[in-house]
Amino acid sequence: MASIQEFRCEVCGTVASNPTHWYVIQCGDRALTVLKWDSETANAEGARHYCGEAHAQVYISRWFDSVCSPAKPDFTRSS
């Protein structure tokens, strides 16, 4: 008997067993890669799953915030 594999969006928690329009993100401290959904990529170690472009963008923004914090000072503004 074949088992059904389910994936959960890491932003909203939506669960799908056939997430054809989802995205997979693979990331580390220095690099982030956004990939179209395929089962091999989705099952790779460390893969993160997102139900659509908007939720993938949420994660990307959070990743940039964590990597780029604190923000660099803006020396072009006058005090």
C-alpha atoms as a PDB file:
ATOM      1  CA  MET A   1       0.000   0.000   0.000  1.00  0.00           C
ATOM      2  CA  ALA A   2       1.414   3.372  -1.027  1.00  0.00           C
ATOM      3  CA  SER A   3       1.472   6.120   1.563  1.00  0.00           C
ATOM      4  CA  ILE A   4       0.384   9.659   0.788  1.00  0.00           C
ATOM      5  CA  GLN A   5       3.012  12.263   1.546  1.00  0.00           C
ATOM      6  CA  GLU A   6       1.823  15.640   2.745  1.00  0.00           C
ATOM      7  CA  PHE A   7       3.655  18.952   2.844  1.00  0.00           C
ATOM      8  CA  ARG A   8       2.908  21.933   5.096  1.00  0.00           C
ATOM      9  CA  CYS A   9       3.442  25.592   4.183  1.00  0.00           C
ATOM     10  CA  GLU A  10       5.867  27.037   6.703  1.00  0.00           C
ATOM     11  CA  VAL A  11       4.037  30.384   6.807  1.00  0.00           C
ATOM     12  CA  CYS A  12       0.314  29.558   6.984  1.00  0.00           C
ATOM     13  CA  GLY A  13       0.288  25.837   7.801  1.00  0.00           C
ATOM     14  CA  THR A  14      -1.749  24.801   4.738  1.00  0.00           C
ATOM     15  CA  VAL A  15      -1.293  21.079   4.047  1.00  0.00           C
ATOM     16  CA  ALA A  16      -1.296  19.531   0.563  1.00  0.00           C
ATOM     17  CA  SER A  17      -0.507  16.115  -0.821  1.00  0.00           C
ATOM     18  CA  ASN A  18      -0.130  17.363  -4.414  1.00  0.00           C
ATOM     19  CA  PRO A  19       1.358  20.874  -4.124  1.00  0.00           C
ATOM     20  CA  THR A  20       2.024  21.535  -7.811  1.00  0.00           C
ATOM     21  CA  HIS A  21       2.159  25.339  -7.610  1.00  0.00           C
ATOM     22  CA  TRP A  22       4.221  25.525  -4.435  1.00  0.00           C
ATOM     23  CA  TYR A  23       7.838  26.638  -3.973  1.00  0.00           C
ATOM     24  CA  VAL A  24      10.789  25.073  -2.226  1.00  0.00           C
ATOM     25  CA  ILE A  25      13.472  27.163  -0.546  1.00  0.00           C
ATOM     26  CA  GLN A  26      16.881  25.858   0.408  1.00  0.00           C
ATOM     27  CA  CYS A  27      18.964  28.171   2.541  1.00  0.00           C
ATOM     28  CA  GLY A  28      21.901  28.561   4.851  1.00  0.00           C
ATOM     29  CA  ASP A  29      23.744  31.424   6.486  1.00  0.00           C
ATOM     30  CA  ARG A  30      25.174  32.743   3.217  1.00  0.00           C
ATOM     31  CA  ALA A  31      22.833  31.644   0.427  1.00  0.00           C
ATOM     32  CA  LEU A  32      19.149  31.214  -0.326  1.00  0.00           C
ATOM     33  CA  THR A  33      17.760  29.385  -3.371  1.00  0.00           C
ATOM     34  CA  VAL A  34      14.119  29.460  -4.526  1.00  0.00           C
ATOM     35  CA  LEU A  35      13.046  26.491  -6.642  1.00  0.00           C
ATOM     36  CA  LYS A  36       9.875  25.469  -8.442  1.00  0.00           C
ATOM     37  CA  TRP A  37       8.181  22.511  -6.824  1.00  0.00           C
ATOM     38  CA  ASP A  38       9.258  18.975  -7.652  1.00  0.00           C
ATOM     39  CA  SER A  39       9.222  15.972  -5.358  1.00  0.00           C
ATOM     40  CA  GLU A  40      12.988  15.456  -5.352  1.00  0.00           C
ATOM     41  CA  THR A  41      13.657  19.068  -4.341  1.00  0.00           C
ATOM     42  CA  ALA A  42      10.814  19.058  -1.801  1.00  0.00           C
ATOM     43  CA  ASN A  43      12.187  15.954  -0.106  1.00  0.00           C
ATOM     44  CA  ALA A  44      15.792  17.166   0.045  1.00  0.00           C
ATOM     45  CA  GLU A  45      17.304  17.642   3.487  1.00  0.00           C
ATOM     46  CA  GLY A  46      16.641  21.140   4.809  1.00  0.00           C
ATOM     47  CA  ALA A  47      14.013  21.981   2.174  1.00  0.00           C
ATOM     48  CA  ARG A  48      11.362  24.488   3.217  1.00  0.00           C
ATOM     49  CA  HIS A  49       7.895  24.450   1.645  1.00  0.00           C
ATOM     50  CA  TYR A  50       5.663  27.416   0.680  1.00  0.00           C
ATOM     51  CA  CYS A  51       2.145  27.325  -0.768  1.00  0.00           C
ATOM     52  CA  GLY A  52       2.683  30.231  -3.135  1.00  0.00           C
ATOM     53  CA  GLU A  53       4.819  33.161  -4.170  1.00  0.00           C
ATOM     54  CA  ALA A  54       3.519  35.456  -1.427  1.00  0.00           C
ATOM     55  CA  HIS A  55       4.497  33.081   1.372  1.00  0.00           C
ATOM     56  CA  ALA A  56       7.867  32.358  -0.227  1.00  0.00           C
ATOM     57  CA  GLN A  57       8.420  36.136  -0.241  1.00  0.00           C
ATOM     58  CA  VAL A  58       7.524  36.323   3.458  1.00  0.00           C
ATOM     59  CA  TYR A  59      10.251  33.804   4.247  1.00  0.00           C
ATOM     60  CA  ILE A  60      12.775  35.541   1.971  1.00  0.00           C
ATOM     61  CA  SER A  61      12.125  38.855   3.745  1.00  0.00           C
ATOM     62  CA  ARG A  62      12.559  37.199   7.144  1.00  0.00           C
ATOM     63  CA  TRP A  63      15.789  35.563   5.966  1.00  0.00           C
ATOM     64  CA  PHE A  64      17.191  38.918   4.777  1.00  0.00           C
ATOM     65  CA  ASP A  65      16.197  40.529   8.081  1.00  0.00           C
ATOM     66  CA  SER A  66      18.040  37.851  10.051  1.00  0.00           C
ATOM     67  CA  VAL A  67      21.134  37.955   7.832  1.00  0.00           C
ATOM     68  CA  CYS A  68      21.246  41.737   7.497  1.00  0.00           C
ATOM     69  CA  SER A  69      20.509  42.704  11.102  1.00  0.00           C
ATOM     70  CA  PRO A  70      21.328  45.131  12.431  1.00  0.00           C
ATOM     71  CA  ALA A  71      20.908  47.418   9.444  1.00  0.00           C
ATOM     72  CA  LYS A  72      23.940  49.304   8.189  1.00  0.00           C
ATOM     73  CA  PRO A  73      23.957  52.956   9.321  1.00  0.00           C
ATOM     74  CA  ASP A  74      22.812  55.545   6.785  1.00  0.00           C
ATOM     75  CA  PHE A  75      25.550  58.164   6.664  1.00  0.00           C
ATOM     76  CA  THR A  76      23.887  60.081   3.815  1.00  0.00           C
ATOM     77  CA  ARG A  77      21.212  61.627   6.052  1.00  0.00           C
ATOM     78  CA  SER A  78      21.965  64.782   7.925  1.00  0.00           C
ATOM     79  CA  SER A  79      21.274  64.881  11.634  1.00  0.00           C
END
